[in-house]
N, C-alpha and C. Protein backbone atom coordinates (compact mmCIF):
# COMPACT_ATOMS: atom_id res chain seq x y z
N UNK A 1 0.83 -1.07 0.22
CA UNK A 1 -0.11 -0.16 0.19
C UNK A 1 1.02 1.22 0.01
N UNK A 2 0.46 2.32 -0.74
CA UNK A 2 1.05 3.29 -0.87
C UNK A 2 0.58 5.01 0.06
N UNK A 3 1.36 5.30 0.68
CA UNK A 3 1.18 6.42 1.41
C UNK A 3 1.73 7.48 1.13
N UNK A 4 1.13 8.72 0.39
CA UNK A 4 1.87 9.64 -0.67
C UNK A 4 1.15 11.44 0.31
N UNK A 5 1.91 11.78 0.75
CA UNK A 5 1.76 13.22 0.83
C UNK A 5 3.09 14.01 0.29
N UNK A 6 3.11 15.50 0.65
CA UNK A 6 3.75 16.41 0.01
C UNK A 6 4.17 17.55 1.42
N UNK A 7 5.30 17.84 1.42
CA UNK A 7 5.62 19.16 1.97
C UNK A 7 6.26 20.22 1.07
N UNK A 8 5.83 21.50 1.45
CA UNK A 8 6.58 22.47 0.71
C UNK A 8 7.56 23.52 1.62
N UNK A 9 8.35 24.09 1.22
CA UNK A 9 9.22 25.15 2.51
C UNK A 9 9.67 25.95 1.20
N UNK A 10 9.98 27.53 1.45
CA UNK A 10 10.84 28.09 0.97
C UNK A 10 11.92 28.59 1.30
N UNK A 11 12.82 28.56 1.10
CA UNK A 11 14.44 29.43 1.28
C UNK A 11 14.90 30.37 0.80
N UNK A 12 16.02 31.06 1.52
CA UNK A 12 16.37 32.66 0.80
C UNK A 12 17.38 32.13 0.10
N UNK A 13 17.85 31.06 -0.69
CA UNK A 13 18.99 30.49 -0.95
C UNK A 13 18.63 30.12 -2.87
N UNK A 14 19.47 30.14 -3.44
CA UNK A 14 19.45 29.59 -4.97
C UNK A 14 19.26 27.90 -4.76
N UNK A 15 18.41 27.49 -5.91
CA UNK A 15 18.92 26.77 -6.35
C UNK A 15 19.69 25.64 -5.84
N UNK A 16 21.16 26.27 -6.74
CA UNK A 16 22.77 25.33 -7.08
C UNK A 16 23.00 25.40 -5.06
N UNK A 17 22.45 26.15 -4.36
CA UNK A 17 23.17 26.31 -3.18
C UNK A 17 21.89 25.46 -2.44
N UNK A 18 21.01 25.47 -2.61
CA UNK A 18 20.26 24.03 -1.89
C UNK A 18 20.46 22.45 -2.45
N UNK A 19 20.58 22.66 -3.99
CA UNK A 19 21.80 21.44 -4.38
C UNK A 19 22.86 21.03 -3.84
N UNK A 20 23.67 22.17 -3.28
CA UNK A 20 25.04 21.68 -2.62
C UNK A 20 24.63 21.32 -1.53
N UNK A 21 23.61 21.70 -0.79
CA UNK A 21 22.91 20.93 0.85
C UNK A 21 22.88 19.44 0.24
N UNK A 22 22.15 19.29 -0.47
CA UNK A 22 21.12 18.21 -0.85
C UNK A 22 22.70 17.13 -1.24
N UNK A 23 23.21 17.16 -1.79
CA UNK A 23 24.44 16.54 -2.53
C UNK A 23 25.90 16.65 -1.70
N UNK A 24 25.67 17.34 -0.27
CA UNK A 24 26.93 17.42 0.58
C UNK A 24 26.64 16.23 2.04
N UNK A 25 27.17 15.41 1.30
CA UNK A 25 26.75 13.89 2.32
C UNK A 25 27.90 14.08 3.52
N UNK A 26 28.64 14.84 3.55
CA UNK A 26 29.42 14.78 4.97
C UNK A 26 28.52 15.33 5.67
N UNK A 27 27.71 16.19 5.69
CA UNK A 27 26.79 17.30 6.51
C UNK A 27 26.15 16.40 7.08
N UNK A 28 25.87 15.04 6.17
CA UNK A 28 24.65 14.37 7.48
C UNK A 28 25.63 13.89 8.56
N UNK A 29 26.32 13.95 8.84
CA UNK A 29 27.27 13.39 9.81
C UNK A 29 27.12 14.45 11.00
N UNK A 30 27.42 15.80 10.50
CA UNK A 30 28.25 16.89 11.23
C UNK A 30 27.32 18.08 11.99
N UNK A 31 26.19 17.58 11.01
CA UNK A 31 25.00 18.61 10.90
C UNK A 31 23.53 17.92 11.27
N UNK A 32 23.22 16.66 11.03
CA UNK A 32 22.18 15.78 11.66
C UNK A 32 22.04 15.31 12.45
N UNK A 33 21.27 15.61 13.67
CA UNK A 33 21.54 14.53 14.64
C UNK A 33 20.84 13.25 14.72
N UNK A 34 20.09 13.09 13.94
CA UNK A 34 19.26 11.76 13.71
C UNK A 34 20.19 10.88 13.16
N UNK A 35 21.39 11.43 12.26
CA UNK A 35 22.16 10.47 12.29
C UNK A 35 23.85 10.08 12.78
N UNK A 36 23.39 8.77 13.01
CA UNK A 36 25.16 8.22 14.27
C UNK A 36 26.08 7.91 13.17
N UNK A 37 26.05 7.84 11.74
CA UNK A 37 27.05 7.65 10.66
C UNK A 37 26.25 7.64 9.08
N UNK A 38 27.17 7.98 8.48
CA UNK A 38 27.09 8.01 7.11
C UNK A 38 28.13 7.40 6.34
N UNK A 39 28.09 6.17 5.48
CA UNK A 39 29.65 5.94 5.25
C UNK A 39 28.92 5.77 3.52
N UNK A 40 29.49 6.53 2.36
CA UNK A 40 29.38 6.22 0.63
C UNK A 40 29.59 4.64 0.20
N UNK A 41 28.71 4.10 -0.08
CA UNK A 41 28.71 3.22 -0.97
C UNK A 41 29.39 3.03 -2.40
N UNK A 42 28.56 4.23 -2.82
CA UNK A 42 29.21 4.38 -4.45
C UNK A 42 28.39 5.53 -4.47
N UNK A 43 29.17 5.78 -5.43
CA UNK A 43 29.24 8.01 -5.80
C UNK A 43 29.51 8.12 -7.22
N UNK A 44 28.49 9.17 -8.28
CA UNK A 44 29.22 9.39 -9.41
C UNK A 44 28.56 10.75 -9.33
N UNK A 45 28.76 11.14 -10.92
CA UNK A 45 27.81 12.45 -11.18
C UNK A 45 26.32 12.81 -11.42
N UNK A 46 25.71 11.62 -11.11
CA UNK A 46 24.61 12.07 -10.60
C UNK A 46 23.65 10.71 -10.02
N UNK A 47 24.17 10.39 -8.67
CA UNK A 47 23.92 9.15 -7.96
C UNK A 47 24.91 8.96 -6.87
N UNK A 48 24.38 8.72 -5.61
CA UNK A 48 25.45 8.79 -4.56
C UNK A 48 24.23 7.26 -3.94
N UNK A 49 24.98 6.26 -3.33
CA UNK A 49 24.13 5.35 -2.17
C UNK A 49 25.19 5.06 -1.07
N UNK A 50 24.26 5.38 -0.22
CA UNK A 50 24.93 5.43 1.50
C UNK A 50 24.52 4.46 2.34
N UNK A 51 25.22 4.02 3.43
CA UNK A 51 24.61 3.41 4.10
C UNK A 51 24.73 4.15 5.79
N UNK A 52 23.81 4.25 6.17
CA UNK A 52 23.51 5.48 7.26
C UNK A 52 22.76 4.63 8.54
N UNK A 53 22.85 5.19 9.75
CA UNK A 53 22.41 4.64 11.31
C UNK A 53 21.48 6.09 11.32
N UNK A 54 20.54 5.57 11.66
CA UNK A 54 19.38 6.82 11.63
C UNK A 54 19.04 6.59 13.15
N UNK A 55 18.59 7.58 14.17
CA UNK A 55 17.62 7.46 14.97
C UNK A 55 16.06 7.13 15.07
N UNK A 56 15.70 6.21 16.02
CA UNK A 56 14.96 5.48 16.13
C UNK A 56 14.00 6.66 17.09
N UNK A 57 12.48 7.43 16.15
CA UNK A 57 11.60 7.81 17.05
C UNK A 57 11.45 7.33 18.84
N UNK A 58 11.81 7.99 19.72
CA UNK A 58 11.81 7.68 21.03
C UNK A 58 12.24 7.18 22.15
N UNK A 59 12.85 6.29 21.25
CA UNK A 59 14.07 5.17 21.58
C UNK A 59 15.80 5.91 21.45
N UNK A 60 16.66 5.71 22.51
CA UNK A 60 18.00 5.61 21.52
C UNK A 60 18.49 4.25 21.15
N UNK A 61 17.95 4.25 19.95
CA UNK A 61 18.60 3.09 19.06
C UNK A 61 18.64 3.64 17.94
N UNK A 62 19.72 3.37 17.07
CA UNK A 62 19.51 3.56 15.94
C UNK A 62 19.38 2.25 14.62
N UNK A 63 18.96 2.52 13.27
CA UNK A 63 18.52 1.24 12.77
C UNK A 63 19.61 2.02 11.56
N UNK A 64 19.79 0.67 10.82
CA UNK A 64 20.56 0.83 9.69
C UNK A 64 19.42 1.21 8.63
N UNK A 65 19.64 2.12 7.40
CA UNK A 65 19.06 2.37 6.33
C UNK A 65 20.33 2.38 5.22
N UNK A 66 19.48 2.15 4.28
CA UNK A 66 20.53 2.56 2.20
C UNK A 66 19.66 3.91 2.05
N UNK A 67 20.44 4.71 1.98
CA UNK A 67 20.23 5.64 1.50
C UNK A 67 20.24 6.38 -0.22
N UNK A 68 19.56 6.66 -0.70
CA UNK A 68 19.90 6.76 -2.13
C UNK A 68 19.71 8.05 -2.67
N UNK A 69 20.50 8.59 -3.64
CA UNK A 69 19.83 9.92 -3.88
C UNK A 69 20.44 9.72 -5.47
N UNK A 70 19.43 10.07 -6.54
CA UNK A 70 19.92 10.31 -8.06
C UNK A 70 19.06 11.67 -8.71
N UNK A 71 20.26 11.83 -9.65
CA UNK A 71 19.42 13.00 -9.79
C UNK A 71 18.72 12.60 -11.08
N UNK A 72 17.29 13.75 -11.41
CA UNK A 72 16.43 13.30 -12.29
C UNK A 72 16.25 14.42 -13.26
N UNK A 73 15.41 14.84 -14.04
CA UNK A 73 14.62 15.92 -14.77
C UNK A 73 15.00 17.35 -14.41
N UNK A 74 15.61 18.14 -14.39
CA UNK A 74 15.52 19.65 -14.66
C UNK A 74 16.88 19.85 -13.10
N UNK A 75 18.00 18.32 -12.85
CA UNK A 75 18.89 18.63 -11.58
C UNK A 75 17.31 18.75 -10.44
N UNK A 76 16.40 17.88 -10.55
CA UNK A 76 15.92 17.54 -8.97
C UNK A 76 16.35 16.68 -8.69
N UNK A 77 15.92 15.85 -7.78
CA UNK A 77 16.81 14.67 -6.55
C UNK A 77 15.45 13.30 -6.34
N UNK A 78 15.70 12.34 -6.67
CA UNK A 78 14.79 11.34 -5.98
C UNK A 78 15.65 10.87 -4.93
N UNK A 79 14.94 10.91 -4.35
CA UNK A 79 15.81 10.13 -2.45
C UNK A 79 14.78 8.41 -2.91
N UNK A 80 15.91 7.28 -2.23
CA UNK A 80 14.83 6.15 -1.37
C UNK A 80 15.87 5.62 -1.00
N UNK A 81 14.92 5.28 0.76
CA UNK A 81 15.36 5.31 1.77
C UNK A 81 14.80 4.02 2.06
N UNK A 82 15.57 2.94 2.55
CA UNK A 82 14.93 1.79 3.33
C UNK A 82 14.50 1.57 4.51
N UNK A 83 13.56 0.96 4.94
CA UNK A 83 13.19 1.28 6.28
C UNK A 83 13.03 0.15 6.95
N UNK A 84 12.62 0.17 8.26
CA UNK A 84 12.45 -1.31 9.05
C UNK A 84 11.18 -1.85 8.64
N UNK A 85 10.57 -3.10 8.62
CA UNK A 85 9.78 -3.65 8.36
C UNK A 85 9.42 -4.00 6.97
N UNK A 86 10.86 -3.96 6.07
CA UNK A 86 10.06 -3.41 4.84
C UNK A 86 9.67 -2.39 3.70
N UNK A 87 9.80 -0.91 4.78
CA UNK A 87 9.09 -0.28 4.11
C UNK A 87 10.33 0.64 3.25
N UNK A 88 10.00 0.93 2.35
CA UNK A 88 10.55 1.73 1.05
C UNK A 88 10.00 3.11 1.01
N UNK A 89 11.29 4.30 1.22
CA UNK A 89 10.18 5.62 1.31
C UNK A 89 11.11 6.21 0.01
N UNK A 90 10.30 6.83 -0.76
CA UNK A 90 10.54 7.57 -2.29
C UNK A 90 10.45 9.31 -1.70
N UNK A 91 11.36 9.78 -2.12
CA UNK A 91 11.06 11.17 -1.98
C UNK A 91 11.64 11.81 -2.98
N UNK A 92 10.59 12.32 -3.59
CA UNK A 92 10.89 13.32 -5.01
C UNK A 92 10.85 14.86 -4.88
N UNK A 93 12.34 15.66 -4.51
CA UNK A 93 12.51 16.88 -4.35
C UNK A 93 12.16 17.50 -5.33
N UNK A 94 11.82 18.63 -5.53
CA UNK A 94 11.68 19.71 -6.29
C UNK A 94 11.90 20.92 -6.11
N UNK A 95 12.65 21.31 -6.65
CA UNK A 95 13.81 22.77 -6.29
C UNK A 95 13.01 23.74 -7.53
N UNK A 96 12.34 24.51 -6.92
CA UNK A 96 11.34 25.32 -7.83
C UNK A 96 11.95 26.62 -7.78
N UNK A 97 12.74 27.46 -8.95
CA UNK A 97 13.10 28.59 -8.88
C UNK A 97 12.40 29.56 -8.55
N UNK A 98 12.62 30.76 -7.62
CA UNK A 98 11.37 31.51 -7.46
C UNK A 98 12.65 32.69 -7.76
N UNK A 99 13.43 33.24 -7.53
CA UNK A 99 14.16 34.08 -7.65
C UNK A 99 15.87 33.83 -7.69
N UNK A 100 16.64 34.61 -8.09
CA UNK A 100 18.04 34.33 -8.10
C UNK A 100 18.53 33.74 -6.37
N UNK A 101 17.90 34.40 -5.74
CA UNK A 101 18.41 34.06 -4.11
C UNK A 101 17.10 33.68 -3.74
N UNK A 102 16.21 32.96 -3.89
CA UNK A 102 14.91 32.05 -3.42
C UNK A 102 14.49 30.93 -4.00
N UNK A 103 13.83 29.75 -3.26
CA UNK A 103 13.87 28.64 -3.96
C UNK A 103 12.98 27.84 -2.94
N UNK A 104 12.19 27.56 -3.81
CA UNK A 104 10.38 26.62 -3.49
C UNK A 104 11.21 25.09 -3.29
N UNK A 105 11.32 24.51 -1.95
CA UNK A 105 11.75 22.77 -2.38
C UNK A 105 10.60 22.23 -2.00
N UNK A 106 10.05 21.47 -2.70
CA UNK A 106 8.73 20.92 -2.80
C UNK A 106 9.12 19.20 -2.50
N UNK A 107 8.72 18.49 -1.37
CA UNK A 107 8.99 17.29 -1.44
C UNK A 107 7.66 16.50 -1.21
N UNK A 108 7.99 15.41 -2.31
CA UNK A 108 6.54 14.54 -2.74
C UNK A 108 6.94 12.81 -1.91
N UNK A 109 6.63 12.92 -0.83
CA UNK A 109 6.64 11.67 -0.30
C UNK A 109 5.69 10.45 -0.67
N UNK A 110 6.38 8.93 -0.72
CA UNK A 110 5.98 8.38 -1.33
C UNK A 110 6.55 6.87 -0.56
N UNK A 111 5.62 6.38 0.58
CA UNK A 111 5.86 5.40 1.29
C UNK A 111 5.32 4.07 0.54
N UNK A 112 5.93 3.26 0.65
CA UNK A 112 5.68 1.56 0.32
C UNK A 112 5.41 1.00 1.54
N UNK A 113 4.05 1.11 1.77
CA UNK A 113 4.22 -0.47 3.06
C UNK A 113 3.45 -1.27 2.96
N UNK A 114 3.49 -2.06 4.06
CA UNK A 114 2.96 -3.55 4.10
C UNK A 114 1.69 -3.12 4.58
N UNK A 115 0.31 -3.65 4.33
CA UNK A 115 -1.04 -3.56 4.40
C UNK A 115 -1.17 -3.38 6.07
N UNK A 116 -0.61 -4.17 6.84
CA UNK A 116 -0.82 -4.16 8.24
C UNK A 116 -0.45 -2.84 8.69
N UNK A 117 0.83 -2.18 8.31
CA UNK A 117 0.73 -0.41 8.68
C UNK A 117 0.09 0.45 8.23
N UNK A 118 -1.19 0.10 7.39
CA UNK A 118 -1.88 1.60 6.84
C UNK A 118 -2.70 1.99 7.54
N UNK A 119 -3.09 1.19 8.88
CA UNK A 119 -4.00 1.66 9.71
C UNK A 119 -3.06 2.99 10.36
N UNK A 120 -1.82 2.71 10.33
CA UNK A 120 -0.95 3.80 11.16
C UNK A 120 -0.43 4.93 10.33
N UNK A 121 -1.13 5.17 8.69
CA UNK A 121 -0.35 6.29 8.28
C UNK A 121 -0.46 7.64 8.87
N UNK A 122 -1.60 8.11 9.64
CA UNK A 122 -1.35 9.09 10.45
C UNK A 122 -0.38 9.29 11.32
N UNK A 123 0.12 8.32 11.97
CA UNK A 123 0.92 8.23 12.83
C UNK A 123 2.48 8.70 11.84
N UNK A 124 2.40 7.72 11.00
CA UNK A 124 3.65 7.17 10.09
C UNK A 124 4.09 8.72 10.19
N UNK A 125 3.23 9.33 8.87
CA UNK A 125 3.10 11.00 8.44
C UNK A 125 3.61 12.06 9.62
N UNK A 126 2.62 11.81 10.62
CA UNK A 126 3.25 12.92 11.70
C UNK A 126 4.59 12.72 11.43
N UNK A 127 5.28 11.65 12.05
CA UNK A 127 7.28 11.35 12.41
C UNK A 127 7.60 11.91 11.01
N UNK A 128 7.29 11.59 9.64
CA UNK A 128 7.84 12.03 8.65
C UNK A 128 7.81 13.61 8.59
N UNK A 129 6.98 14.23 9.28
CA UNK A 129 6.83 15.81 9.49
C UNK A 129 7.55 16.15 9.97
N UNK A 130 7.93 15.32 10.93
CA UNK A 130 8.59 15.75 12.74
C UNK A 130 10.21 15.95 12.00
N UNK A 131 10.41 14.88 11.55
CA UNK A 131 11.69 14.08 11.01
C UNK A 131 12.15 15.67 9.81
N UNK A 132 11.06 15.72 8.96
CA UNK A 132 11.40 17.06 7.88
C UNK A 132 11.70 18.31 8.36
N UNK A 133 10.59 18.63 9.64
CA UNK A 133 11.07 20.08 10.60
C UNK A 133 12.49 20.06 10.97
N UNK A 134 13.11 18.96 11.77
CA UNK A 134 14.57 19.00 12.41
C UNK A 134 15.16 19.48 11.34
N UNK A 135 15.16 18.28 10.74
CA UNK A 135 16.50 18.60 9.36
C UNK A 135 16.17 19.99 8.56
N UNK A 136 15.01 20.07 8.48
CA UNK A 136 14.81 21.93 7.82
C UNK A 136 15.51 22.52 8.75
N UNK A 137 15.43 22.32 10.30
CA UNK A 137 16.02 23.42 11.00
C UNK A 137 17.14 23.30 10.84
N UNK A 138 17.67 22.24 10.87
CA UNK A 138 19.56 22.16 11.29
C UNK A 138 19.98 22.91 10.10
N UNK A 139 19.28 22.42 8.97
CA UNK A 139 20.21 22.80 7.37
C UNK A 139 19.79 24.47 7.52
N UNK A 140 19.00 24.86 7.65
CA UNK A 140 18.85 26.46 7.20
C UNK A 140 20.31 27.23 7.57
N UNK A 141 20.53 27.43 8.56
CA UNK A 141 21.73 27.63 8.70
C UNK A 141 23.06 27.58 7.71
N UNK A 142 23.48 26.49 7.17
CA UNK A 142 24.06 26.03 6.28
C UNK A 142 23.41 26.54 4.94
N UNK A 143 22.51 26.52 4.68
CA UNK A 143 21.87 26.80 3.15
C UNK A 143 22.35 28.37 3.55
N UNK A 144 21.52 29.44 4.62
CA UNK A 144 22.28 30.45 4.29
C UNK A 144 23.97 30.82 4.05
N UNK A 145 24.98 30.33 5.24
CA UNK A 145 26.04 30.82 5.47
C UNK A 145 26.40 29.93 3.95
N UNK A 146 25.60 29.15 3.18
CA UNK A 146 26.60 28.99 1.82
C UNK A 146 25.93 29.89 0.56
N UNK A 147 24.86 30.58 1.44
CA UNK A 147 24.54 31.24 0.14
C UNK A 147 25.58 32.82 -0.07
N UNK A 148 25.74 33.19 1.30
CA UNK A 148 26.25 34.23 1.59
C UNK A 148 28.41 33.55 0.76
N UNK A 149 28.24 32.76 0.66
CA UNK A 149 29.79 32.33 0.44
C UNK A 149 29.89 32.29 -1.28
N UNK A 150 28.27 32.22 -1.58
CA UNK A 150 28.21 32.39 -3.09
C UNK A 150 28.38 33.62 -3.32
N UNK A 151 27.49 34.67 -2.22
CA UNK A 151 27.43 35.83 -3.13
C UNK A 151 28.66 36.35 -2.76
N UNK A 152 29.94 36.03 -1.76
CA UNK A 152 31.23 36.83 -1.46
C UNK A 152 32.03 36.03 -3.07
N UNK A 153 31.60 35.38 -3.65
CA UNK A 153 32.68 34.97 -4.93
C UNK A 153 33.17 33.57 -4.93
N UNK A 154 32.80 32.78 -4.08
CA UNK A 154 32.65 31.56 -3.67
C UNK A 154 32.96 30.45 -5.16
N UNK A 155 33.90 30.11 -5.63
CA UNK A 155 34.02 29.21 -6.76
C UNK A 155 34.45 27.81 -6.45
N UNK A 156 34.73 27.44 -5.83
CA UNK A 156 35.17 26.04 -5.44
C UNK A 156 35.69 25.90 -3.95
N UNK A 157 36.34 24.38 -3.82
CA UNK A 157 37.12 23.95 -2.20
C UNK A 157 38.40 24.17 -2.74
N UNK A 158 38.82 25.22 -3.70
CA UNK A 158 40.36 25.79 -3.63
C UNK A 158 40.29 27.40 -3.57
N UNK A 159 39.31 28.08 -3.55
CA UNK A 159 39.25 29.21 -3.42
C UNK A 159 38.23 29.96 -3.53
N UNK A 160 38.39 31.65 -3.74
CA UNK A 160 37.73 31.93 -4.08
C UNK A 160 37.79 32.80 -5.52
N UNK A 161 37.07 33.26 -6.08
CA UNK A 161 36.88 34.34 -7.42
C UNK A 161 37.32 35.39 -7.00
N UNK A 162 36.65 36.01 -6.22
CA UNK A 162 37.71 37.12 -5.04
C UNK A 162 36.69 38.44 -6.32
N UNK A 163 36.26 38.52 -6.74
CA UNK A 163 35.45 39.52 -7.69
C UNK A 163 33.82 39.72 -7.52
N UNK A 164 33.41 40.34 -7.71
CA UNK A 164 31.57 40.71 -7.74
C UNK A 164 31.07 40.23 -9.07
N UNK A 165 32.18 40.08 -10.16
CA UNK A 165 31.49 39.80 -11.73
C UNK A 165 32.14 38.64 -11.56
N UNK A 166 32.45 37.68 -10.46
CA UNK A 166 32.37 36.35 -10.44
C UNK A 166 31.53 35.66 -11.29
N UNK A 167 32.34 34.58 -12.09
CA UNK A 167 30.88 33.78 -12.60
C UNK A 167 30.11 32.92 -11.80
N UNK A 168 29.27 32.71 -12.16
CA UNK A 168 28.32 32.24 -10.78
C UNK A 168 28.48 30.61 -10.59
N UNK A 169 28.20 30.44 -9.46
CA UNK A 169 28.75 28.91 -8.79
C UNK A 169 27.73 27.72 -9.44
N UNK A 170 28.03 27.41 -10.16
CA UNK A 170 27.06 25.80 -10.07
C UNK A 170 27.65 24.75 -9.62
N UNK A 171 26.49 23.54 -9.06
CA UNK A 171 27.25 22.94 -8.40
C UNK A 171 27.10 21.85 -9.54
N UNK A 172 28.49 20.98 -9.31
CA UNK A 172 28.86 20.26 -10.26
C UNK A 172 29.10 18.51 -9.45
N UNK A 173 28.63 17.53 -9.60
CA UNK A 173 28.40 16.01 -9.03
C UNK A 173 29.14 15.61 -9.61
N UNK A 174 30.08 14.67 -8.50
CA UNK A 174 29.51 14.71 -7.41
C UNK A 174 30.53 15.74 -6.25
N UNK A 175 30.14 16.18 -5.05
CA UNK A 175 30.36 17.85 -4.55
C UNK A 175 31.98 16.82 -3.69
N UNK A 176 33.11 17.64 -4.14
CA UNK A 176 34.52 17.36 -3.79
C UNK A 176 34.67 17.21 -2.36
N UNK A 177 35.29 16.14 -1.91
CA UNK A 177 35.86 16.24 -0.13
C UNK A 177 37.28 15.06 -0.76
N UNK A 178 37.83 15.53 1.23
CA UNK A 178 38.91 15.59 1.07
C UNK A 178 39.23 13.81 1.12
N UNK A 179 40.07 13.49 0.65
CA UNK A 179 40.42 11.78 1.03
C UNK A 179 40.38 10.89 2.01
N UNK A 180 40.39 12.11 3.03
CA UNK A 180 40.37 10.86 4.54
C UNK A 180 38.78 11.71 5.47
N UNK A 181 37.93 11.91 4.21
CA UNK A 181 36.60 12.25 4.60
C UNK A 181 35.90 11.28 5.43
N UNK A 182 35.24 11.39 6.16
CA UNK A 182 34.45 10.36 7.11
C UNK A 182 33.63 9.52 6.83
N UNK A 183 33.52 9.50 5.69
CA UNK A 183 32.19 9.10 5.50
C UNK A 183 32.42 8.23 4.06
N UNK A 184 33.85 8.55 3.40
CA UNK A 184 34.29 7.84 2.65
C UNK A 184 34.75 6.22 2.89
N UNK A 185 33.73 5.19 2.50
CA UNK A 185 33.69 4.03 2.78
C UNK A 185 34.22 2.76 1.41
N UNK A 186 35.62 2.58 1.23
CA UNK A 186 35.63 2.22 -0.19
C UNK A 186 34.92 2.33 -1.23
N UNK A 187 34.74 3.79 -1.74
CA UNK A 187 34.04 4.20 -2.45
C UNK A 187 35.41 5.18 -3.54
N UNK A 188 35.51 4.02 -4.33
CA UNK A 188 36.77 4.33 -4.95
C UNK A 188 36.54 5.23 -6.22
N UNK A 189 34.97 5.85 -6.26
CA UNK A 189 34.83 6.61 -7.71
C UNK A 189 34.34 8.06 -6.65
N UNK A 190 34.60 8.04 -5.72
CA UNK A 190 34.67 9.93 -5.25
C UNK A 190 35.16 10.88 -5.72
N UNK A 191 34.83 11.79 -5.60
CA UNK A 191 35.98 12.70 -5.79
C UNK A 191 36.45 13.46 -5.02
N UNK A 192 37.65 13.10 -4.91
CA UNK A 192 38.58 13.89 -3.40
C UNK A 192 39.18 15.29 -4.25
N UNK A 193 39.41 16.16 -3.01
CA UNK A 193 40.15 17.08 -3.41
C UNK A 193 41.45 16.70 -2.95
N UNK A 194 42.46 17.75 -3.91
CA UNK A 194 44.00 17.86 -3.09
C UNK A 194 43.82 18.80 -1.45
């Protein structure tokens, strides 16, 4: 059985900044309290697969999940997560440009749940919305700082362009990270910075 719903939010950041945040896998470990760990299994220019350990609501336990991201039409993102009891969660993340520095994020949730979970639909929806709220609040300062960095001429992880007329920052996947990043886990196809 399917459970579908949508969560929409607006942020004072460009689509590229929002994409930068989505594809920056290291921040899962450092920014989001619900994640105990995140390790890259596979990554390339249009997809990433990670092993994560996420907090179970109301109990001090973590569950293992496979977290997958795929670039889809118009640079939007499809996220697929495994959950306990055979639940598969899909989130289509649409980044709608409102202006150069304002983006509407539309998350279309589709949960494939065993039939015996369907009566718990309101509870599941509540917990996912709560999870989304927490993630949103944890991500907000990071997105706003990233937008400021781009406004100041940030180009890549080697420095800044240093000019108000600097070329526009365009997110290129995968996002570079150091060779000894805490989330690298036998991922030979990730891009590391020097």
